[in-house]
C-alpha cells in the first residue's frame, strides 16, 4: 500500500492534480486526499482550487457538481458506478413535472441530486446550510424541497415551515432504526447520540445532537471527553477517531443484517487502486451537458453566496 500511495502522490505532482474525498469514503482514501469534507466543503474547495485535475472521491453527483463549478478543469472519479440512492430517487423528468404542478413555489434541491435536477432548482442546499437558507426566505414563501423527505421533514420541524416534500431518501440513513439506537443507549447510558437529519424522524427524536456530517464531527472534537453513539455513514468514524483518539465512538448498525456498521456501498467503490488508475489514465472523466450546466450552476452559486 505504501508504494501505491507514493505513486499516487507522484502522479498528483506531475499532473497538478488534487484529490477531494468525502467523509464517507474509506479511511485510506481520506488519508491520501488533499481535502476531506462534506458536500458543502467539497463544493467550496473545488470552486477555489487552481489545480488542472480534480479527482472526486465520493459519488457521481459530487463529480458533476465539481465539473459545473469548474468547467475548465478535468474532473475525474475513481469509479463511474459510484452513484447515489438519494439522487436516483429523484429522476429529472418526474421532478420537472412535479415542479410544473406547483408553479408558485420556490424550488430547493438538496445537493444529492443530478445536474439535471439542479437545473430545475432555484437554490441548492446541503445538510450543513439547509436550515439557514430556508430561514432566510420569507415565511410566507411557498417551497418545494427535494429529494430527501427526512431532511425536509426535519427542516420543517425546526423552522415551522410547511415545505412541499419530494418523496426520496438515502438508503444508508433509512436503515438506521430507533430500536438499535435504544439498545445502544441502554448499554451505554453515558453516551451522547449524534444523528444526521437524513435519518427517519424516530431516530432523530432519540438524538442529542442532530446535524450534518461536518457538524457532528465538530461537536465531537469540541467535546472529546464524551462517548458517542453515531447514526450516520460509518466512514466519518475515521476522521472522528483521528481527531479524538481517546474518545469512544459507537457506530449504529443497520436495522437488518449482522454488520456492526452502516456503510454506503457506493462510497466503498472508491479504492486506492482506482484512484491511481484514474490519475494515470485520466479517466473516467465527468462531463456535463453545457446547457444543463449553465442552468445548474446558478442555484449552486446562490447556495455558496448564502453560505
C-alpha atoms as a PDB file:
ATOM      1  CA  UNK A   1       0.000   0.000   0.000  1.00  0.00           C
ATOM      2  CA  UNK A   2       2.890   2.364   0.770  1.00  0.00           C
ATOM      3  CA  UNK A   3       4.190   2.086  -2.807  1.00  0.00           C
ATOM      4  CA  UNK A   4       0.716   2.747  -4.171  1.00  0.00           C
ATOM      5  CA  UNK A   5       0.345   5.858  -2.030  1.00  0.00           C
ATOM      6  CA  UNK A   6       3.729   7.159  -3.164  1.00  0.00           C
ATOM      7  CA  UNK A   7       2.782   6.509  -6.798  1.00  0.00           C
ATOM      8  CA  UNK A   8      -0.452   8.483  -6.327  1.00  0.00           C
ATOM      9  CA  UNK A   9       1.440  11.388  -4.768  1.00  0.00           C
ATOM     10  CA  UNK A  10       3.886  11.393  -7.676  1.00  0.00           C
ATOM     11  CA  UNK A  11       1.092  11.464 -10.251  1.00  0.00           C
ATOM     12  CA  UNK A  12      -0.633  14.300  -8.395  1.00  0.00           C
ATOM     13  CA  UNK A  13       2.521  16.388  -8.545  1.00  0.00           C
ATOM     14  CA  UNK A  14       3.249  15.590 -12.182  1.00  0.00           C
ATOM     15  CA  UNK A  15      -0.285  16.424 -13.331  1.00  0.00           C
ATOM     16  CA  UNK A  16      -1.094  19.320 -10.996  1.00  0.00           C
ATOM     17  CA  UNK A  17      -3.957  17.270  -9.619  1.00  0.00           C
ATOM     18  CA  UNK A  18      -5.734  17.296  -6.272  1.00  0.00           C
ATOM     19  CA  UNK A  19      -7.799  14.608  -4.595  1.00  0.00           C
ATOM     20  CA  UNK A  20     -11.044  15.544  -2.875  1.00  0.00           C
ATOM     21  CA  UNK A  21     -12.646  12.942  -0.612  1.00  0.00           C
ATOM     22  CA  UNK A  22     -15.936  12.778   1.223  1.00  0.00           C
ATOM     23  CA  UNK A  23     -16.037  11.759   4.876  1.00  0.00           C
ATOM     24  CA  UNK A  24     -17.911   8.593   3.898  1.00  0.00           C
ATOM     25  CA  UNK A  25     -15.096   7.130   1.797  1.00  0.00           C
ATOM     26  CA  UNK A  26     -12.611   4.541   3.079  1.00  0.00           C
ATOM     27  CA  UNK A  27     -10.050   5.734   5.603  1.00  0.00           C
ATOM     28  CA  UNK A  28      -7.100   5.165   3.272  1.00  0.00           C
ATOM     29  CA  UNK A  29      -8.796   7.335   0.637  1.00  0.00           C
ATOM     30  CA  UNK A  30      -9.257  10.143   3.146  1.00  0.00           C
ATOM     31  CA  UNK A  31      -5.613   9.860   4.201  1.00  0.00           C
ATOM     32  CA  UNK A  32      -4.303  10.323   0.659  1.00  0.00           C
ATOM     33  CA  UNK A  33      -6.673  13.205  -0.158  1.00  0.00           C
ATOM     34  CA  UNK A  34      -5.677  16.853  -0.279  1.00  0.00           C
ATOM     35  CA  UNK A  35      -9.013  17.844   1.180  1.00  0.00           C
ATOM     36  CA  UNK A  36     -11.632  15.850   3.093  1.00  0.00           C
ATOM     37  CA  UNK A  37     -15.066  17.255   3.801  1.00  0.00           C
ATOM     38  CA  UNK A  38     -18.815  17.084   3.457  1.00  0.00           C
ATOM     39  CA  UNK A  39     -20.681  18.046   0.287  1.00  0.00           C
ATOM     40  CA  UNK A  40     -20.682  21.779   1.039  1.00  0.00           C
ATOM     41  CA  UNK A  41     -16.980  21.909   1.873  1.00  0.00           C
ATOM     42  CA  UNK A  42     -16.058  19.877  -1.215  1.00  0.00           C
ATOM     43  CA  UNK A  43     -18.057  22.225  -3.451  1.00  0.00           C
ATOM     44  CA  UNK A  44     -16.424  25.257  -1.853  1.00  0.00           C
ATOM     45  CA  UNK A  45     -12.950  23.792  -2.198  1.00  0.00           C
ATOM     46  CA  UNK A  46     -13.497  22.728  -5.821  1.00  0.00           C
ATOM     47  CA  UNK A  47     -14.536  26.274  -6.703  1.00  0.00           C
ATOM     48  CA  UNK A  48     -11.288  27.713  -5.298  1.00  0.00           C
ATOM     49  CA  UNK A  49      -8.504  25.328  -6.313  1.00  0.00           C
ATOM     50  CA  UNK A  50      -6.068  26.201  -9.092  1.00  0.00           C
ATOM     51  CA  UNK A  51      -5.333  22.543  -9.921  1.00  0.00           C
ATOM     52  CA  UNK A  52      -5.768  21.332 -13.503  1.00  0.00           C
ATOM     53  CA  UNK A  53      -7.268  17.977 -12.482  1.00  0.00           C
ATOM     54  CA  UNK A  54      -9.741  17.211  -9.714  1.00  0.00           C
ATOM     55  CA  UNK A  55     -10.189  13.626  -8.539  1.00  0.00           C
ATOM     56  CA  UNK A  56     -13.510  13.467  -6.724  1.00  0.00           C
ATOM     57  CA  UNK A  57     -13.652  10.506  -4.361  1.00  0.00           C
ATOM     58  CA  UNK A  58     -17.268  10.262  -3.397  1.00  0.00           C
ATOM     59  CA  UNK A  59     -20.280   9.633  -5.600  1.00  0.00           C
ATOM     60  CA  UNK A  60     -21.282  10.702  -9.093  1.00  0.00           C
ATOM     61  CA  UNK A  61     -23.275  13.832  -8.255  1.00  0.00           C
ATOM     62  CA  UNK A  62     -20.244  15.237  -6.404  1.00  0.00           C
ATOM     63  CA  UNK A  63     -18.177  14.896  -9.557  1.00  0.00           C
ATOM     64  CA  UNK A  64     -20.929  16.639 -11.525  1.00  0.00           C
ATOM     65  CA  UNK A  65     -21.057  19.488  -9.014  1.00  0.00           C
ATOM     66  CA  UNK A  66     -17.293  19.954  -9.250  1.00  0.00           C
ATOM     67  CA  UNK A  67     -17.463  19.981 -13.063  1.00  0.00           C
ATOM     68  CA  UNK A  68     -20.302  22.502 -13.066  1.00  0.00           C
ATOM     69  CA  UNK A  69     -18.286  24.797 -10.809  1.00  0.00           C
ATOM     70  CA  UNK A  70     -15.016  24.199 -12.695  1.00  0.00           C
ATOM     71  CA  UNK A  71     -15.903  23.699 -16.388  1.00  0.00           C
ATOM     72  CA  UNK A  72     -12.317  24.404 -17.452  1.00  0.00           C
ATOM     73  CA  UNK A  73     -10.872  21.660 -15.249  1.00  0.00           C
ATOM     74  CA  UNK A  74     -10.698  17.922 -15.853  1.00  0.00           C
ATOM     75  CA  UNK A  75     -12.827  16.200 -13.222  1.00  0.00           C
ATOM     76  CA  UNK A  76     -12.188  12.502 -12.655  1.00  0.00           C
ATOM     77  CA  UNK A  77     -13.923   9.915 -10.490  1.00  0.00           C
ATOM     78  CA  UNK A  78     -12.363   6.595  -9.463  1.00  0.00           C
ATOM     79  CA  UNK A  79     -15.499   4.615 -10.368  1.00  0.00           C
ATOM     80  CA  UNK A  80     -18.329   5.860 -12.582  1.00  0.00           C
ATOM     81  CA  UNK A  81     -20.661   3.326 -10.925  1.00  0.00           C
ATOM     82  CA  UNK A  82     -20.451   5.155  -7.600  1.00  0.00           C
ATOM     83  CA  UNK A  83     -23.951   6.569  -7.732  1.00  0.00           C
ATOM     84  CA  UNK A  84     -26.328   7.777  -5.028  1.00  0.00           C
ATOM     85  CA  UNK A  85     -29.621   6.217  -3.987  1.00  0.00           C
ATOM     86  CA  UNK A  86     -30.968   9.616  -2.966  1.00  0.00           C
ATOM     87  CA  UNK A  87     -30.153  11.194  -6.332  1.00  0.00           C
ATOM     88  CA  UNK A  88     -31.651   8.141  -8.053  1.00  0.00           C
ATOM     89  CA  UNK A  89     -34.887   8.633  -6.109  1.00  0.00           C
ATOM     90  CA  UNK A  90     -35.484  11.910  -7.946  1.00  0.00           C
ATOM     91  CA  UNK A  91     -35.488  11.439 -11.756  1.00  0.00           C
ATOM     92  CA  UNK A  92     -35.299  14.801 -13.531  1.00  0.00           C
ATOM     93  CA  UNK A  93     -38.329  14.209 -15.765  1.00  0.00           C
ATOM     94  CA  UNK A  94     -40.581  13.338 -12.827  1.00  0.00           C
ATOM     95  CA  UNK A  95     -39.247  16.206 -10.750  1.00  0.00           C
ATOM     96  CA  UNK A  96     -39.822  18.619 -13.637  1.00  0.00           C
ATOM     97  CA  UNK A  97     -43.460  17.512 -13.824  1.00  0.00           C
ATOM     98  CA  UNK A  98     -43.791  17.942 -10.038  1.00  0.00           C
ATOM     99  CA  UNK A  99     -42.354  21.466 -10.215  1.00  0.00           C
ATOM    100  CA  UNK A 100     -44.672  22.328 -13.116  1.00  0.00           C
ATOM    101  CA  UNK A 101     -47.680  21.306 -10.998  1.00  0.00           C
ATOM    102  CA  UNK A 102     -46.665  23.904  -8.391  1.00  0.00           C
ATOM    103  CA  UNK A 103     -45.550  26.961 -10.404  1.00  0.00           C
ATOM    104  CA  UNK A 104     -45.847  29.342  -7.435  1.00  0.00           C
ATOM    105  CA  UNK A 105     -43.208  27.502  -5.381  1.00  0.00           C
ATOM    106  CA  UNK A 106     -39.530  28.266  -4.886  1.00  0.00           C
ATOM    107  CA  UNK A 107     -37.596  25.087  -5.608  1.00  0.00           C
ATOM    108  CA  UNK A 108     -34.937  23.996  -3.129  1.00  0.00           C
ATOM    109  CA  UNK A 109     -32.934  20.895  -4.002  1.00  0.00           C
ATOM    110  CA  UNK A 110     -30.532  19.011  -1.805  1.00  0.00           C
ATOM    111  CA  UNK A 111     -27.050  18.774  -3.291  1.00  0.00           C
ATOM    112  CA  UNK A 112     -27.543  14.984  -3.536  1.00  0.00           C
ATOM    113  CA  UNK A 113     -29.172  15.337  -6.949  1.00  0.00           C
ATOM    114  CA  UNK A 114     -28.179  15.086 -10.585  1.00  0.00           C
ATOM    115  CA  UNK A 115     -27.124  18.100 -12.618  1.00  0.00           C
ATOM    116  CA  UNK A 116     -30.438  17.883 -14.493  1.00  0.00           C
ATOM    117  CA  UNK A 117     -32.399  18.272 -11.231  1.00  0.00           C
ATOM    118  CA  UNK A 118     -30.175  21.147 -10.107  1.00  0.00           C
ATOM    119  CA  UNK A 119     -31.005  22.848 -13.407  1.00  0.00           C
ATOM    120  CA  UNK A 120     -34.680  22.872 -12.325  1.00  0.00           C
ATOM    121  CA  UNK A 121     -33.806  24.416  -8.961  1.00  0.00           C
ATOM    122  CA  UNK A 122     -33.768  27.932  -7.515  1.00  0.00           C
ATOM    123  CA  UNK A 123     -31.245  27.219  -4.781  1.00  0.00           C
ATOM    124  CA  UNK A 124     -29.247  24.136  -3.799  1.00  0.00           C
ATOM    125  CA  UNK A 125     -28.687  23.257  -0.141  1.00  0.00           C
ATOM    126  CA  UNK A 126     -26.660  20.776   1.873  1.00  0.00           C
ATOM    127  CA  UNK A 127     -27.433  19.406   5.314  1.00  0.00           C
ATOM    128  CA  UNK A 128     -24.950  21.989   6.650  1.00  0.00           C
ATOM    129  CA  UNK A 129     -26.817  25.022   5.370  1.00  0.00           C
ATOM    130  CA  UNK A 130     -30.397  23.901   4.618  1.00  0.00           C
ATOM    131  CA  UNK A 131     -31.881  25.429   7.775  1.00  0.00           C
ATOM    132  CA  UNK A 132     -30.039  28.719   7.301  1.00  0.00           C
ATOM    133  CA  UNK A 133     -31.115  29.048   3.676  1.00  0.00           C
ATOM    134  CA  UNK A 134     -34.751  28.118   4.343  1.00  0.00           C
ATOM    135  CA  UNK A 135     -34.935  30.576   7.240  1.00  0.00           C
ATOM    136  CA  UNK A 136     -33.510  33.329   5.027  1.00  0.00           C
ATOM    137  CA  UNK A 137     -36.567  33.117   2.769  1.00  0.00           C
ATOM    138  CA  UNK A 138     -39.806  34.956   3.655  1.00  0.00           C
ATOM    139  CA  UNK A 139     -42.045  32.913   5.958  1.00  0.00           C
ATOM    140  CA  UNK A 140     -44.951  33.133   3.539  1.00  0.00           C
ATOM    141  CA  UNK A 141     -42.890  31.821   0.609  1.00  0.00           C
ATOM    142  CA  UNK A 142     -44.123  28.509  -0.778  1.00  0.00           C
ATOM    143  CA  UNK A 143     -41.301  25.996  -1.132  1.00  0.00           C
ATOM    144  CA  UNK A 144     -40.722  22.660  -2.814  1.00  0.00           C
ATOM    145  CA  UNK A 145     -37.965  20.702  -1.080  1.00  0.00           C
ATOM    146  CA  UNK A 146     -36.414  17.660  -2.702  1.00  0.00           C
ATOM    147  CA  UNK A 147     -35.439  14.950  -2.771  1.00  0.00           C
ATOM    148  CA  UNK A 148     -34.874  13.860   0.848  1.00  0.00           C
ATOM    149  CA  UNK A 149     -38.161  13.623   2.742  1.00  0.00           C
ATOM    150  CA  UNK A 150     -36.413  13.041   6.083  1.00  0.00           C
ATOM    151  CA  UNK A 151     -34.182  16.107   5.836  1.00  0.00           C
ATOM    152  CA  UNK A 152     -37.135  18.147   4.549  1.00  0.00           C
ATOM    153  CA  UNK A 153     -39.323  16.967   7.410  1.00  0.00           C
ATOM    154  CA  UNK A 154     -36.609  17.874   9.910  1.00  0.00           C
ATOM    155  CA  UNK A 155     -36.190  21.355   8.407  1.00  0.00           C
ATOM    156  CA  UNK A 156     -39.958  21.841   8.503  1.00  0.00           C
ATOM    157  CA  UNK A 157     -39.959  20.891  12.179  1.00  0.00           C
ATOM    158  CA  UNK A 158     -37.155  23.215  13.275  1.00  0.00           C
ATOM    159  CA  UNK A 159     -38.229  26.190  11.136  1.00  0.00           C
ATOM    160  CA  UNK A 160     -42.012  25.919  11.437  1.00  0.00           C
ATOM    161  CA  UNK A 161     -42.320  25.814   7.650  1.00  0.00           C
ATOM    162  CA  UNK A 162     -44.650  23.636   5.622  1.00  0.00           C
ATOM    163  CA  UNK A 163     -42.492  22.880   2.600  1.00  0.00           C
ATOM    164  CA  UNK A 164     -43.863  20.506  -0.024  1.00  0.00           C
ATOM    165  CA  UNK A 165     -41.566  17.462   0.128  1.00  0.00           C
ATOM    166  CA  UNK A 166     -40.409  15.141  -2.635  1.00  0.00           C
ATOM    167  CA  UNK A 167     -40.615  11.513  -1.539  1.00  0.00           C
ATOM    168  CA  UNK A 168     -36.958  10.439  -1.701  1.00  0.00           C
ATOM    169  CA  UNK A 169     -34.485   9.029   0.811  1.00  0.00           C
ATOM    170  CA  UNK A 170     -30.903   7.844   1.335  1.00  0.00           C
ATOM    171  CA  UNK A 171     -30.686   4.055   1.551  1.00  0.00           C
ATOM    172  CA  UNK A 172     -27.983   4.276   4.238  1.00  0.00           C
ATOM    173  CA  UNK A 173     -29.732   6.666   6.607  1.00  0.00           C
ATOM    174  CA  UNK A 174     -33.071   4.922   6.056  1.00  0.00           C
ATOM    175  CA  UNK A 175     -31.544   1.758   7.535  1.00  0.00           C
ATOM    176  CA  UNK A 176     -30.998   3.232  10.980  1.00  0.00           C
ATOM    177  CA  UNK A 177     -33.688   2.202  13.438  1.00  0.00           C
ATOM    178  CA  UNK A 178     -34.856   3.664  16.721  1.00  0.00           C
ATOM    179  CA  UNK A 179     -34.712   0.162  18.215  1.00  0.00           C
ATOM    180  CA  UNK A 180     -30.973  -0.250  17.536  1.00  0.00           C
ATOM    181  CA  UNK A 181     -30.231   3.167  18.984  1.00  0.00           C
ATOM    182  CA  UNK A 182     -32.358   2.461  22.068  1.00  0.00           C
ATOM    183  CA  UNK A 183     -30.361  -0.745  22.625  1.00  0.00           C
ATOM    184  CA  UNK A 184     -27.064   1.162  22.423  1.00  0.00           C
ATOM    185  CA  UNK A 185     -28.345   3.918  24.712  1.00  0.00           C
ATOM    186  CA  UNK A 186     -29.398   1.330  27.273  1.00  0.00           C
ATOM    187  CA  UNK A 187     -25.980  -0.364  27.126  1.00  0.00           C
ATOM    188  CA  UNK A 188     -24.151   2.992  27.232  1.00  0.00           C
ATOM    189  CA  UNK A 189     -26.310   5.405  29.237  1.00  0.00           C
ATOM    190  CA  UNK A 190     -23.472   7.927  29.423  1.00  0.00           C
ATOM    191  CA  UNK A 191     -23.216   8.221  25.614  1.00  0.00           C
ATOM    192  CA  UNK A 192     -24.265  11.215  23.536  1.00  0.00           C
ATOM    193  CA  UNK A 193     -26.203  10.255  20.406  1.00  0.00           C
ATOM    194  CA  UNK A 194     -25.277  12.000  17.159  1.00  0.00           C
ATOM    195  CA  UNK A 195     -27.626  11.713  14.168  1.00  0.00           C
ATOM    196  CA  UNK A 196     -27.741  13.006  10.625  1.00  0.00           C
ATOM    197  CA  UNK A 197     -31.028  14.696   9.612  1.00  0.00           C
ATOM    198  CA  UNK A 198     -31.368  12.278   6.687  1.00  0.00           C
ATOM    199  CA  UNK A 199     -32.387   9.689   9.305  1.00  0.00           C
ATOM    200  CA  UNK A 200     -36.023   8.898   9.993  1.00  0.00           C
ATOM    201  CA  UNK A 201     -37.956  11.071  12.442  1.00  0.00           C
ATOM    202  CA  UNK A 202     -37.986   8.344  15.127  1.00  0.00           C
ATOM    203  CA  UNK A 203     -34.180   8.185  15.011  1.00  0.00           C
ATOM    204  CA  UNK A 204     -33.718  11.957  15.033  1.00  0.00           C
ATOM    205  CA  UNK A 205     -36.003  12.252  18.071  1.00  0.00           C
ATOM    206  CA  UNK A 206     -33.661   9.959  20.039  1.00  0.00           C
ATOM    207  CA  UNK A 207     -30.581  12.035  19.191  1.00  0.00           C
ATOM    208  CA  UNK A 208     -28.912  14.530  21.496  1.00  0.00           C
ATOM    209  CA  UNK A 209     -27.243  16.294  18.571  1.00  0.00           C
ATOM    210  CA  UNK A 210     -28.635  16.464  15.025  1.00  0.00           C
ATOM    211  CA  UNK A 211     -26.522  17.882  12.220  1.00  0.00           C
ATOM    212  CA  UNK A 212     -24.589  17.475   9.027  1.00  0.00           C
ATOM    213  CA  UNK A 213     -21.577  15.198   8.881  1.00  0.00           C
ATOM    214  CA  UNK A 214     -19.267  18.149   9.494  1.00  0.00           C
ATOM    215  CA  UNK A 215     -21.425  19.445  12.352  1.00  0.00           C
ATOM    216  CA  UNK A 216     -21.391  16.064  14.096  1.00  0.00           C
ATOM    217  CA  UNK A 217     -17.615  15.850  13.687  1.00  0.00           C
ATOM    218  CA  UNK A 218     -17.139  19.375  15.032  1.00  0.00           C
ATOM    219  CA  UNK A 219     -19.310  18.635  18.057  1.00  0.00           C
ATOM    220  CA  UNK A 220     -17.280  15.545  18.908  1.00  0.00           C
ATOM    221  CA  UNK A 221     -13.998  17.458  18.515  1.00  0.00           C
ATOM    222  CA  UNK A 222     -15.313  20.182  20.826  1.00  0.00           C
ATOM    223  CA  UNK A 223     -16.354  17.618  23.459  1.00  0.00           C
ATOM    224  CA  UNK A 224     -13.756  14.808  23.277  1.00  0.00           C
ATOM    225  CA  UNK A 225     -14.388  13.694  26.853  1.00  0.00           C
ATOM    226  CA  UNK A 226     -17.730  12.120  25.950  1.00  0.00           C
ATOM    227  CA  UNK A 227     -18.729   8.736  24.482  1.00  0.00           C
ATOM    228  CA  UNK A 228     -20.708   8.873  21.254  1.00  0.00           C
ATOM    229  CA  UNK A 229     -23.344   6.795  19.502  1.00  0.00           C
ATOM    230  CA  UNK A 230     -23.074   7.747  15.838  1.00  0.00           C
ATOM    231  CA  UNK A 231     -26.028   7.459  13.443  1.00  0.00           C
ATOM    232  CA  UNK A 232     -24.589   8.352  10.081  1.00  0.00           C
ATOM    233  CA  UNK A 233     -22.467   6.574   7.474  1.00  0.00           C
ATOM    234  CA  UNK A 234     -19.589   4.920   9.322  1.00  0.00           C
ATOM    235  CA  UNK A 235     -16.851   6.433   7.148  1.00  0.00           C
ATOM    236  CA  UNK A 236     -16.984   9.518   9.367  1.00  0.00           C
ATOM    237  CA  UNK A 237     -15.578   7.448  12.242  1.00  0.00           C
ATOM    238  CA  UNK A 238     -12.144   7.554  10.590  1.00  0.00           C
ATOM    239  CA  UNK A 239     -11.868  11.329  10.949  1.00  0.00           C
ATOM    240  CA  UNK A 240     -13.575  11.326  14.335  1.00  0.00           C
ATOM    241  CA  UNK A 241     -11.075   8.817  15.693  1.00  0.00           C
ATOM    242  CA  UNK A 242      -8.141  10.701  14.146  1.00  0.00           C
ATOM    243  CA  UNK A 243      -9.246  13.973  15.708  1.00  0.00           C
ATOM    244  CA  UNK A 244     -10.321  12.420  19.026  1.00  0.00           C
ATOM    245  CA  UNK A 245      -8.023   9.406  19.564  1.00  0.00           C
ATOM    246  CA  UNK A 246      -9.081   8.841  23.186  1.00  0.00           C
ATOM    247  CA  UNK A 247     -12.827   9.117  22.571  1.00  0.00           C
ATOM    248  CA  UNK A 248     -15.132   6.133  22.178  1.00  0.00           C
ATOM    249  CA  UNK A 249     -17.348   6.157  19.079  1.00  0.00           C
ATOM    250  CA  UNK A 250     -20.076   3.535  18.738  1.00  0.00           C
ATOM    251  CA  UNK A 251     -21.475   3.168  15.210  1.00  0.00           C
ATOM    252  CA  UNK A 252     -25.166   2.373  14.916  1.00  0.00           C
ATOM    253  CA  UNK A 253     -25.596  -0.804  12.837  1.00  0.00           C
ATOM    254  CA  UNK A 254     -28.252  -1.099  10.136  1.00  0.00           C
ATOM    255  CA  UNK A 255     -31.658  -2.370  11.195  1.00  0.00           C
ATOM    256  CA  UNK A 256     -31.198  -5.584   9.214  1.00  0.00           C
ATOM    257  CA  UNK A 257     -28.180  -7.886   8.959  1.00  0.00           C
ATOM    258  CA  UNK A 258     -25.182  -8.595  11.151  1.00  0.00           C
ATOM    259  CA  UNK A 259     -22.827  -5.805  10.091  1.00  0.00           C
ATOM    260  CA  UNK A 260     -21.592  -3.679  13.024  1.00  0.00           C
ATOM    261  CA  UNK A 261     -21.509  -0.575  10.785  1.00  0.00           C
ATOM    262  CA  UNK A 262     -23.831   1.057   8.287  1.00  0.00           C
ATOM    263  CA  UNK A 263     -21.836   1.657   5.095  1.00  0.00           C
ATOM    264  CA  UNK A 264     -22.667   3.196   1.733  1.00  0.00           C
ATOM    265  CA  UNK A 265     -21.880   0.574  -0.902  1.00  0.00           C
ATOM    266  CA  UNK A 266     -21.402   3.320  -3.499  1.00  0.00           C
ATOM    267  CA  UNK A 267     -18.807   5.184  -1.433  1.00  0.00           C
ATOM    268  CA  UNK A 268     -16.941   1.911  -0.914  1.00  0.00           C
ATOM    269  CA  UNK A 269     -16.419   1.612  -4.672  1.00  0.00           C
ATOM    270  CA  UNK A 270     -13.659   4.204  -4.274  1.00  0.00           C
ATOM    271  CA  UNK A 271     -10.341   2.394  -3.700  1.00  0.00           C
ATOM    272  CA  UNK A 272      -6.681   3.428  -3.779  1.00  0.00           C
ATOM    273  CA  UNK A 273      -6.118   1.252  -6.834  1.00  0.00           C
ATOM    274  CA  UNK A 274      -8.889   3.055  -8.694  1.00  0.00           C
ATOM    275  CA  UNK A 275      -7.556   6.449  -7.596  1.00  0.00           C
ATOM    276  CA  UNK A 276      -4.179   5.524  -9.052  1.00  0.00           C
ATOM    277  CA  UNK A 277      -5.689   4.216 -12.286  1.00  0.00           C
ATOM    278  CA  UNK A 278      -7.870   7.267 -12.857  1.00  0.00           C
ATOM    279  CA  UNK A 279      -4.916   9.601 -12.297  1.00  0.00           C
ATOM    280  CA  UNK A 280      -2.693   7.559 -14.564  1.00  0.00           C
ATOM    281  CA  UNK A 281      -5.253   7.217 -17.366  1.00  0.00           C
ATOM    282  CA  UNK A 282      -7.123  10.491 -16.665  1.00  0.00           C
ATOM    283  CA  UNK A 283     -10.376   8.551 -16.776  1.00  0.00           C
ATOM    284  CA  UNK A 284     -13.228   8.057 -16.028  1.00  0.00           C
ATOM    285  CA  UNK A 285     -13.928  11.733 -16.683  1.00  0.00           C
ATOM    286  CA  UNK A 286     -17.098  13.586 -15.731  1.00  0.00           C
ATOM    287  CA  UNK A 287     -18.885  15.559 -18.449  1.00  0.00           C
ATOM    288  CA  UNK A 288     -21.980  17.710 -18.018  1.00  0.00           C
ATOM    289  CA  UNK A 289     -24.086  18.961 -20.913  1.00  0.00           C
ATOM    290  CA  UNK A 290     -23.179  22.689 -21.279  1.00  0.00           C
ATOM    291  CA  UNK A 291     -26.836  23.741 -21.498  1.00  0.00           C
ATOM    292  CA  UNK A 292     -27.645  21.836 -18.295  1.00  0.00           C
ATOM    293  CA  UNK A 293     -24.517  23.147 -16.568  1.00  0.00           C
ATOM    294  CA  UNK A 294     -25.425  26.739 -17.482  1.00  0.00           C
ATOM    295  CA  UNK A 295     -28.682  26.406 -15.550  1.00  0.00           C
ATOM    296  CA  UNK A 296     -27.378  24.163 -12.754  1.00  0.00           C
ATOM    297  CA  UNK A 297     -24.534  26.481 -11.784  1.00  0.00           C
ATOM    298  CA  UNK A 298     -26.947  29.281 -10.830  1.00  0.00           C
ATOM    299  CA  UNK A 299     -28.520  27.590  -7.774  1.00  0.00           C
ATOM    300  CA  UNK A 300     -25.124  26.262  -6.715  1.00  0.00           C
ATOM    301  CA  UNK A 301     -23.610  29.753  -6.799  1.00  0.00           C
ATOM    302  CA  UNK A 302     -26.630  31.061  -4.912  1.00  0.00           C
ATOM    303  CA  UNK A 303     -26.027  28.429  -2.229  1.00  0.00           C
ATOM    304  CA  UNK A 304     -22.354  29.332  -1.925  1.00  0.00           C
ATOM    305  CA  UNK A 305     -23.220  33.032  -1.639  1.00  0.00           C
ATOM    306  CA  UNK A 306     -25.865  32.329   1.025  1.00  0.00           C
ATOM    307  CA  UNK A 307     -23.498  30.061   2.967  1.00  0.00           C
END
